[in-house]
C-alpha atoms as a PDB file:
ATOM      1  CA  MET A   1      18.885 -98.639   7.696  1.00  0.00           C
ATOM      2  CA  VAL A   2      16.012 -96.568   6.757  1.00  0.00           C
ATOM      3  CA  ILE A   3      16.001 -93.133   8.081  1.00  0.00           C
ATOM      4  CA  GLY A   4      12.542 -91.611   8.236  1.00  0.00           C
ATOM      5  CA  CYS A   5      12.156 -88.044   7.131  1.00  0.00           C
ATOM      6  CA  ALA A   6       9.298 -86.001   8.325  1.00  0.00           C
ATOM      7  CA  TYR A   7       7.316 -84.615   5.374  1.00  0.00           C
ATOM      8  CA  GLN A   8       6.848 -80.950   5.536  1.00  0.00           C
ATOM      9  CA  GLU A   9       4.014 -79.216   3.686  1.00  0.00           C
ATOM     10  CA  PRO A  10       5.252 -76.374   1.432  1.00  0.00           C
ATOM     11  CA  MET A  11       4.666 -73.064   3.082  1.00  0.00           C
ATOM     12  CA  HIS A  12       1.967 -70.950   1.477  1.00  0.00           C
ATOM     13  CA  THR A  13       1.586 -67.261   2.201  1.00  0.00           C
ATOM     14  CA  THR A  14      -1.224 -64.926   1.220  1.00  0.00           C
ATOM     15  CA  GLU A  15       0.661 -61.773   2.028  1.00  0.00           C
ATOM     16  CA  PRO A  16       1.700 -60.990  -1.597  1.00  0.00           C
ATOM     17  CA  VAL A  17      -1.881 -61.500  -2.725  1.00  0.00           C
ATOM     18  CA  ILE A  18      -3.083 -59.152   0.000  1.00  0.00           C
ATOM     19  CA  GLU A  19      -0.470 -56.599  -0.953  1.00  0.00           C
ATOM     20  CA  ALA A  20      -1.363 -56.824  -4.664  1.00  0.00           C
ATOM     21  CA  SER A  21      -5.051 -56.515  -3.903  1.00  0.00           C
ATOM     22  CA  SER A  22      -4.424 -53.514  -1.659  1.00  0.00           C
ATOM     23  CA  ALA A  23      -2.283 -51.810  -4.314  1.00  0.00           C
ATOM     24  CA  TYR A  24      -4.979 -52.436  -6.924  1.00  0.00           C
ATOM     25  CA  ASN A  25      -7.622 -50.909  -4.666  1.00  0.00           C
ATOM     26  CA  GLU A  26      -5.467 -47.852  -4.078  1.00  0.00           C
ATOM     27  CA  ILE A  27      -4.979 -47.365  -7.828  1.00  0.00           C
ATOM     28  CA  ALA A  28      -8.706 -47.753  -8.427  1.00  0.00           C
ATOM     29  CA  ILE A  29      -9.473 -45.207  -5.704  1.00  0.00           C
ATOM     30  CA  LEU A  30      -6.980 -42.735  -7.185  1.00  0.00           C
ATOM     31  CA  GLN A  31      -8.489 -43.210 -10.634  1.00  0.00           C
ATOM     32  CA  LEU A  32     -11.951 -42.702  -9.171  1.00  0.00           C
ATOM     33  CA  HIS A  33     -10.803 -39.497  -7.461  1.00  0.00           C
ATOM     34  CA  ASP A  34      -9.308 -38.275 -10.748  1.00  0.00           C
ATOM     35  CA  GLU A  35     -12.569 -39.009 -12.564  1.00  0.00           C
ATOM     36  CA  ILE A  36     -14.583 -37.227  -9.878  1.00  0.00           C
ATOM     37  CA  LYS A  37     -12.296 -34.185 -10.173  1.00  0.00           C
ATOM     38  CA  ARG A  38     -12.605 -34.240 -13.954  1.00  0.00           C
ATOM     39  CA  LEU A  39     -16.390 -34.316 -13.710  1.00  0.00           C
ATOM     40  CA  GLN A  40     -16.387 -31.538 -11.128  1.00  0.00           C
ATOM     41  CA  ASP A  41     -14.226 -29.373 -13.423  1.00  0.00           C
ATOM     42  CA  LEU A  42     -16.552 -30.145 -16.325  1.00  0.00           C
ATOM     43  CA  ILE A  43     -19.586 -29.128 -14.248  1.00  0.00           C
ATOM     44  CA  LYS A  44     -17.849 -25.871 -13.289  1.00  0.00           C
ATOM     45  CA  LYS A  45     -17.136 -25.118 -16.950  1.00  0.00           C
ATOM     46  CA  LYS A  46     -20.745 -25.874 -17.901  1.00  0.00           C
ATOM     47  CA  ASP A  47     -21.987 -23.651 -15.079  1.00  0.00           C
ATOM     48  CA  ASN A  48     -19.741 -20.829 -16.325  1.00  0.00           C
ATOM     49  CA  VAL A  49     -21.108 -21.222 -19.853  1.00  0.00           C
ATOM     50  CA  ILE A  50     -24.683 -21.162 -18.540  1.00  0.00           C
ATOM     51  CA  ARG A  51     -23.965 -18.032 -16.489  1.00  0.00           C
ATOM     52  CA  GLN A  52     -22.358 -16.323 -19.474  1.00  0.00           C
ATOM     53  CA  GLN A  53     -25.297 -17.218 -21.692  1.00  0.00           C
ATOM     54  CA  HIS A  54     -27.717 -15.972 -19.052  1.00  0.00           C
ATOM     55  CA  ALA A  55     -25.778 -12.712 -18.713  1.00  0.00           C
ATOM     56  CA  TYR A  56     -25.710 -12.302 -22.494  1.00  0.00           C
ATOM     57  CA  GLN A  57     -29.446 -12.929 -22.737  1.00  0.00           C
ATOM     58  CA  GLN A  58     -30.085 -10.330 -20.047  1.00  0.00           C
ATOM     59  CA  SER A  59     -27.866  -7.890 -21.948  1.00  0.00           C
ATOM     60  CA  GLN A  60     -29.763  -8.605 -25.181  1.00  0.00           C
ATOM     61  CA  ASP A  61     -33.096  -8.138 -23.439  1.00  0.00           C
ATOM     62  CA  LYS A  62     -31.896  -4.838 -21.991  1.00  0.00           C
ATOM     63  CA  GLU A  63     -30.638  -3.653 -25.393  1.00  0.00           C
ATOM     64  CA  GLN A  64     -33.930  -4.667 -26.975  1.00  0.00           C
ATOM     65  CA  GLN A  65     -35.917  -2.735 -24.369  1.00  0.00           C
ATOM     66  CA  GLU A  66     -33.647   0.291 -24.799  1.00  0.00           C
ATOM     67  CA  ALA A  67     -33.980   0.121 -28.576  1.00  0.00           C
ATOM     68  CA  SER A  68     -37.774  -0.100 -28.362  1.00  0.00           C
ATOM     69  CA  SER A  69     -37.852   2.797 -25.913  1.00  0.00           C
ATOM     70  CA  GLU A  70     -35.590   4.832 -28.184  1.00  0.00           C
ATOM     71  CA  VAL A  71     -37.920   4.253 -31.138  1.00  0.00           C
ATOM     72  CA  ALA A  72     -40.876   5.463 -29.094  1.00  0.00           C
ATOM     73  CA  ARG A  73     -38.968   8.509 -27.819  1.00  0.00           C
ATOM     74  CA  ALA A  74     -37.758   9.352 -31.324  1.00  0.00           C
ATOM     75  CA  GLN A  75     -41.262   9.219 -32.747  1.00  0.00           C
ATOM     76  CA  THR A  76     -42.535  11.412 -29.913  1.00  0.00           C
ATOM     77  CA  ARG A  77     -39.770  13.957 -30.555  1.00  0.00           C
ATOM     78  CA  LEU A  78     -40.509  14.000 -34.257  1.00  0.00           C
ATOM     79  CA  HIS A  79     -44.194  14.709 -33.724  1.00  0.00           C
ATOM     80  CA  ARG A  80     -43.385  17.420 -31.207  1.00  0.00           C
ATOM     81  CA  LEU A  81     -40.779  19.101 -33.411  1.00  0.00           C
ATOM     82  CA  ALA A  82     -42.521  18.690 -36.741  1.00  0.00           C
ATOM     83  CA  THR A  83     -43.632  22.277 -37.263  1.00  0.00           C
ATOM     84  CA  LYS A  84     -43.006  23.988 -40.571  1.00  0.00           C
ATOM     85  CA  PRO A  85     -40.004  26.081 -39.376  1.00  0.00           C
ATOM     86  CA  SER A  86     -38.296  23.269 -37.462  1.00  0.00           C
ATOM     87  CA  THR A  87     -38.789  20.829 -40.330  1.00  0.00           C
ATOM     88  CA  ALA A  88     -37.361  23.306 -42.826  1.00  0.00           C
ATOM     89  CA  SER A  89     -34.358  23.806 -40.547  1.00  0.00           C
ATOM     90  CA  THR A  90     -33.747  20.062 -40.197  1.00  0.00           C
ATOM     91  CA  ILE A  91     -33.934  19.578 -43.957  1.00  0.00           C
ATOM     92  CA  ALA A  92     -31.535  22.476 -44.511  1.00  0.00           C
ATOM     93  CA  GLU A  93     -29.022  21.039 -42.027  1.00  0.00           C
ATOM     94  CA  ALA A  94     -29.190  17.637 -43.713  1.00  0.00           C
ATOM     95  CA  GLU A  95     -28.675  19.219 -47.133  1.00  0.00           C
ATOM     96  CA  VAL A  96     -25.582  21.104 -45.934  1.00  0.00           C
ATOM     97  CA  ALA A  97     -24.167  17.912 -44.401  1.00  0.00           C
ATOM     98  CA  MET A  98     -24.875  16.043 -47.629  1.00  0.00           C
ATOM     99  CA  GLU A  99     -23.036  18.618 -49.737  1.00  0.00           C
ATOM    100  CA  SER A 100     -20.060  18.349 -47.410  1.00  0.00           C
ATOM    101  CA  LEU A 101     -20.147  14.552 -47.646  1.00  0.00           C
ATOM    102  CA  LYS A 102     -20.202  14.656 -51.447  1.00  0.00           C
ATOM    103  CA  ARG A 103     -16.856  16.472 -51.405  1.00  0.00           C
ATOM    104  CA  THR A 104     -15.162  13.564 -49.621  1.00  0.00           C
ATOM    105  CA  GLN A 105     -13.922  10.362 -51.226  1.00  0.00           C
ATOM    106  CA  ILE A 106     -15.808   7.302 -50.018  1.00  0.00           C
ATOM    107  CA  SER A 107     -15.957   3.608 -50.893  1.00  0.00           C
ATOM    108  CA  ASP A 108     -18.433   2.010 -53.296  1.00  0.00           C
ATOM    109  CA  THR A 109     -20.451   0.620 -50.382  1.00  0.00           C
ATOM    110  CA  SER A 110     -20.564   4.043 -48.753  1.00  0.00           C
ATOM    111  CA  GLN A 111     -21.632   5.595 -52.059  1.00  0.00           C
ATOM    112  CA  ALA A 112     -24.653   3.277 -52.058  1.00  0.00           C
ATOM    113  CA  LEU A 113     -25.508   4.414 -48.541  1.00  0.00           C
ATOM    114  CA  GLN A 114     -24.980   8.018 -49.581  1.00  0.00           C
ATOM    115  CA  GLN A 115     -27.507   7.535 -52.379  1.00  0.00           C
ATOM    116  CA  GLN A 116     -29.963   6.143 -49.857  1.00  0.00           C
ATOM    117  CA  ALA A 117     -29.452   9.239 -47.709  1.00  0.00           C
ATOM    118  CA  GLN A 118     -30.105  11.399 -50.769  1.00  0.00           C
ATOM    119  CA  ASN A 119     -33.294   9.454 -51.462  1.00  0.00           C
ATOM    120  CA  LEU A 120     -34.417  10.195 -47.906  1.00  0.00           C
ATOM    121  CA  LEU A 121     -33.718  13.891 -48.387  1.00  0.00           C
ATOM    122  CA  ASP A 122     -35.750  13.863 -51.593  1.00  0.00           C
ATOM    123  CA  ALA A 123     -38.611  12.169 -49.733  1.00  0.00           C
ATOM    124  CA  ALA A 124     -38.340  14.791 -46.987  1.00  0.00           C
ATOM    125  CA  LEU A 125     -38.631  17.622 -49.510  1.00  0.00           C
ATOM    126  CA  ALA A 126     -41.599  15.962 -51.232  1.00  0.00           C
ATOM    127  CA  SER A 127     -43.428  15.519 -47.912  1.00  0.00           C
ATOM    128  CA  TYR A 128     -42.614  19.095 -46.900  1.00  0.00           C
ATOM    129  CA  ARG A 129     -44.156  20.452 -50.110  1.00  0.00           C
ATOM    130  CA  GLN A 130     -47.291  18.476 -49.269  1.00  0.00           C
ATOM    131  CA  ASP A 131     -47.366  20.082 -45.779  1.00  0.00           C
ATOM    132  CA  ASN A 132     -46.747  16.689 -44.167  1.00  0.00           C
ATOM    133  CA  TYR A 133     -44.190  17.956 -41.662  1.00  0.00           C
ATOM    134  CA  VAL A 134     -44.095  14.833 -39.479  1.00  0.00           C
ATOM    135  CA  ALA A 135     -43.108  12.621 -42.425  1.00  0.00           C
ATOM    136  CA  ALA A 136     -40.703  15.270 -43.718  1.00  0.00           C
ATOM    137  CA  MET A 137     -39.018  15.547 -40.328  1.00  0.00           C
ATOM    138  CA  ASN A 138     -38.776  11.767 -40.110  1.00  0.00           C
ATOM    139  CA  TYR A 139     -37.117  11.425 -43.537  1.00  0.00           C
ATOM    140  CA  ALA A 140     -34.733  14.337 -42.952  1.00  0.00           C
ATOM    141  CA  SER A 141     -33.691  12.974 -39.549  1.00  0.00           C
ATOM    142  CA  GLN A 142     -33.047   9.536 -41.006  1.00  0.00           C
ATOM    143  CA  ALA A 143     -30.989  11.094 -43.800  1.00  0.00           C
ATOM    144  CA  GLN A 144     -28.939  12.908 -41.171  1.00  0.00           C
ATOM    145  CA  GLU A 145     -28.308   9.634 -39.344  1.00  0.00           C
ATOM    146  CA  PHE A 146     -26.959   8.105 -42.560  1.00  0.00           C
ATOM    147  CA  ILE A 147     -24.783  11.139 -43.236  1.00  0.00           C
ATOM    148  CA  ASN A 148     -23.391  11.046 -39.690  1.00  0.00           C
ATOM    149  CA  MET A 149     -22.568   7.383 -40.114  1.00  0.00           C
ATOM    150  CA  LEU A 150     -20.796   7.954 -43.439  1.00  0.00           C
ATOM    151  CA  ALA A 151     -18.869  10.902 -42.009  1.00  0.00           C
ATOM    152  CA  ASP A 152     -17.661   8.831 -39.041  1.00  0.00           C
ATOM    153  CA  GLN A 153     -13.892   8.711 -39.478  1.00  0.00           C
ATOM    154  CA  ASN A 154     -13.564   5.674 -37.207  1.00  0.00           C
ATOM    155  CA  ARG A 155     -15.775   3.358 -39.246  1.00  0.00           C
ATOM    156  CA  GLN A 156     -12.824   1.719 -40.982  1.00  0.00           C
ATOM    157  CA  GLU A 157     -10.861   0.981 -37.796  1.00  0.00           C
ATOM    158  CA  SER A 158     -10.389  -2.596 -36.666  1.00  0.00           C
ATOM    159  CA  TYR A 159     -13.425  -4.250 -35.096  1.00  0.00           C
ATOM    160  CA  TYR A 160     -12.078  -4.063 -31.556  1.00  0.00           C
ATOM    161  CA  ASN A 161     -11.324  -0.321 -31.812  1.00  0.00           C
ATOM    162  CA  ARG A 162     -14.791   0.610 -32.979  1.00  0.00           C
ATOM    163  CA  LYS A 163     -17.696   1.558 -30.805  1.00  0.00           C
ATOM    164  CA  THR A 164     -21.403   0.993 -31.195  1.00  0.00           C
ATOM    165  CA  VAL A 165     -23.110   4.250 -32.164  1.00  0.00           C
ATOM    166  CA  PRO A 166     -26.860   4.506 -31.446  1.00  0.00           C
ATOM    167  CA  ILE A 167     -29.105   5.717 -34.249  1.00  0.00           C
ATOM    168  CA  HIS A 168     -31.325   8.333 -32.661  1.00  0.00           C
ATOM    169  CA  VAL A 169     -34.025   8.074 -35.306  1.00  0.00           C
ATOM    170  CA  PRO A 170     -34.300   4.351 -36.133  1.00  0.00           C
ATOM    171  CA  PHE A 171     -35.036   3.662 -39.785  1.00  0.00           C
ATOM    172  CA  VAL A 172     -36.487   0.792 -41.779  1.00  0.00           C
ATOM    173  CA  LEU A 173     -34.260  -1.453 -43.882  1.00  0.00           C
ATOM    174  CA  GLN A 174     -34.965  -4.221 -46.375  1.00  0.00           C
ATOM    175  CA  THR A 175     -32.617  -7.070 -47.235  1.00  0.00           C
ATOM    176  CA  ILE A 176     -31.547  -7.139 -50.901  1.00  0.00           C
ATOM    177  CA  THR A 177     -30.500 -10.816 -50.710  1.00  0.00           C
ATOM    178  CA  ASP A 178     -30.535 -13.611 -48.137  1.00  0.00           C
ATOM    179  CA  VAL A 179     -28.676 -12.166 -45.159  1.00  0.00           C
ATOM    180  CA  ASN A 180     -27.057 -13.684 -42.078  1.00  0.00           C
ATOM    181  CA  LEU A 181     -28.267 -12.126 -38.845  1.00  0.00           C
ATOM    182  CA  ARG A 182     -25.151 -12.331 -36.670  1.00  0.00           C
ATOM    183  CA  GLN A 183     -24.625 -12.158 -32.928  1.00  0.00           C
ATOM    184  CA  ASN A 184     -21.846  -9.550 -33.240  1.00  0.00           C
ATOM    185  CA  PRO A 185     -20.768  -7.110 -35.972  1.00  0.00           C
ATOM    186  CA  HIS A 186     -18.097  -9.138 -37.741  1.00  0.00           C
ATOM    187  CA  GLY A 187     -18.027 -11.874 -40.369  1.00  0.00           C
ATOM    188  CA  ASN A 188     -16.936 -14.667 -38.013  1.00  0.00           C
ATOM    189  CA  ALA A 189     -19.660 -14.051 -35.442  1.00  0.00           C
ATOM    190  CA  LYS A 190     -22.285 -16.676 -34.673  1.00  0.00           C
ATOM    191  CA  ILE A 191     -25.207 -16.726 -37.123  1.00  0.00           C
ATOM    192  CA  LEU A 192     -28.461 -16.281 -35.210  1.00  0.00           C
ATOM    193  CA  ASN A 193     -30.754 -16.586 -38.210  1.00  0.00           C
ATOM    194  CA  ILE A 194     -30.951 -16.308 -41.992  1.00  0.00           C
ATOM    195  CA  LEU A 195     -33.178 -13.489 -43.228  1.00  0.00           C
ATOM    196  CA  GLU A 196     -34.685 -13.969 -46.653  1.00  0.00           C
ATOM    197  CA  LYS A 197     -34.457 -11.413 -49.431  1.00  0.00           C
ATOM    198  CA  GLY A 198     -37.091  -8.724 -48.888  1.00  0.00           C
ATOM    199  CA  TYR A 199     -37.140  -9.086 -45.104  1.00  0.00           C
ATOM    200  CA  ILE A 200     -37.933  -5.830 -43.260  1.00  0.00           C
ATOM    201  CA  LEU A 201     -35.836  -4.682 -40.298  1.00  0.00           C
ATOM    202  CA  VAL A 202     -35.431  -1.623 -38.073  1.00  0.00           C
ATOM    203  CA  ALA A 203     -31.885  -0.300 -37.602  1.00  0.00           C
ATOM    204  CA  ASN A 204     -31.167   1.222 -34.185  1.00  0.00           C
ATOM    205  CA  ALA A 205     -27.330   1.433 -34.142  1.00  0.00           C
ATOM    206  CA  TYR A 206     -24.249   0.912 -36.263  1.00  0.00           C
ATOM    207  CA  ARG A 207     -20.701  -0.238 -35.699  1.00  0.00           C
ATOM    208  CA  GLY A 208     -18.320   0.198 -38.583  1.00  0.00           C
ATOM    209  CA  ASN A 209     -20.016  -1.237 -41.668  1.00  0.00           C
ATOM    210  CA  TRP A 210     -22.650  -3.142 -39.682  1.00  0.00           C
ATOM    211  CA  PHE A 211     -26.178  -2.224 -38.621  1.00  0.00           C
ATOM    212  CA  ARG A 212     -27.678  -3.433 -35.361  1.00  0.00           C
ATOM    213  CA  VAL A 213     -31.211  -4.370 -36.317  1.00  0.00           C
ATOM    214  CA  GLN A 214     -34.382  -5.589 -34.698  1.00  0.00           C
ATOM    215  CA  THR A 215     -37.101  -7.805 -36.129  1.00  0.00           C
ATOM    216  CA  GLU A 216     -40.806  -7.609 -35.462  1.00  0.00           C
ATOM    217  CA  ASP A 217     -40.711 -10.581 -33.086  1.00  0.00           C
ATOM    218  CA  GLY A 218     -38.012  -8.969 -30.947  1.00  0.00           C
ATOM    219  CA  ARG A 219     -34.884 -10.672 -32.232  1.00  0.00           C
ATOM    220  CA  GLN A 220     -31.849  -8.442 -32.408  1.00  0.00           C
ATOM    221  CA  GLY A 221     -28.554  -8.882 -34.240  1.00  0.00           C
ATOM    222  CA  TRP A 222     -26.200  -7.394 -36.809  1.00  0.00           C
ATOM    223  CA  VAL A 223     -26.268  -7.280 -40.623  1.00  0.00           C
ATOM    224  CA  LEU A 224     -23.691  -5.980 -43.084  1.00  0.00           C
ATOM    225  CA  ASN A 225     -24.816  -2.629 -44.490  1.00  0.00           C
ATOM    226  CA  ALA A 226     -23.992  -3.635 -48.093  1.00  0.00           C
ATOM    227  CA  LEU A 227     -26.723  -6.308 -47.950  1.00  0.00           C
ATOM    228  CA  VAL A 228     -29.640  -4.028 -47.032  1.00  0.00           C
ATOM    229  CA  LYS A 229     -31.311  -0.936 -48.416  1.00  0.00           C
ATOM    230  CA  ILE A 230     -33.334   1.728 -46.717  1.00  0.00           C
ATOM    231  CA  LEU A 231     -37.032   1.993 -47.482  1.00  0.00           C
ATOM    232  CA  GLY A 232     -38.614   5.281 -48.404  1.00  0.00           C
ATOM    233  CA  ASP A 233     -41.791   4.502 -46.468  1.00  0.00           C
ATOM    234  CA  GLN A 234     -42.202   3.077 -42.988  1.00  0.00           C
ATOM    235  CA  GLN A 235     -43.316  -0.484 -43.550  1.00  0.00           C
ATOM    236  CA  LYS A 236     -43.863  -2.878 -40.697  1.00  0.00           C
ATOM    237  CA  PRO A 237     -41.565  -5.896 -40.373  1.00  0.00           C
ATOM    238  CA  ARG A 238     -42.950  -9.167 -41.622  1.00  0.00           C
ATOM    239  CA  GLU A 239     -41.878 -12.546 -40.332  1.00  0.00           C
ATOM    240  CA  THR A 240     -40.217 -14.452 -43.178  1.00  0.00           C
ATOM    241  CA  ALA A 241     -36.982 -15.545 -41.522  1.00  0.00           C
ATOM    242  CA  ARG A 242     -35.999 -19.158 -41.347  1.00  0.00           C
ATOM    243  CA  GLU A 243     -33.807 -20.779 -38.720  1.00  0.00           C
END
């Protein structure tokens, strides 16, 4: 006796496939959200960097304008004050300050700067004897700036404890070797440019053993004072720097 059995098709369900596909889509969406957030954070960081750079550039532009204005004001004051009596008084004050400085113990680098100050005093006396009171006043005032800098007891403090001291009578410097023009006054600061030996600069401030200088084309940065010398005559900057 043959008993017939009804054939039943195996049951197929798509539910697991749907569930797997849905889970995959959710993971992809989460990953996409994470990537979007990462990119948004990156954009925010870039925007912050751009704002900081813009603020720094504005600060540099302001310092440059102030330095240029200070040079003009200093030259005006010198011409106004450069009478025979006032020039003689300025030279005498610088000489007294120099004698006091010579009685203190200073480093080899400072001794080089002291000699430069003495050279300025000698130039002041020579100009005074020639009745050139404007030049004499200029040299004597620059010598006094050097002496004030050397007498600054805080020059050897750590970088972060120092302050930037304006030079009221900006003076001309010349590099004695290839020199790094740095963004800030310390050896790890960003190098803005490399100034060739013989490059002419104008110093308008100092911080510790660094001069803040300005080039003829308006760039401003810091150079180590041991790598420059002061010029006895006021030469104009020449553009010989290389990037």
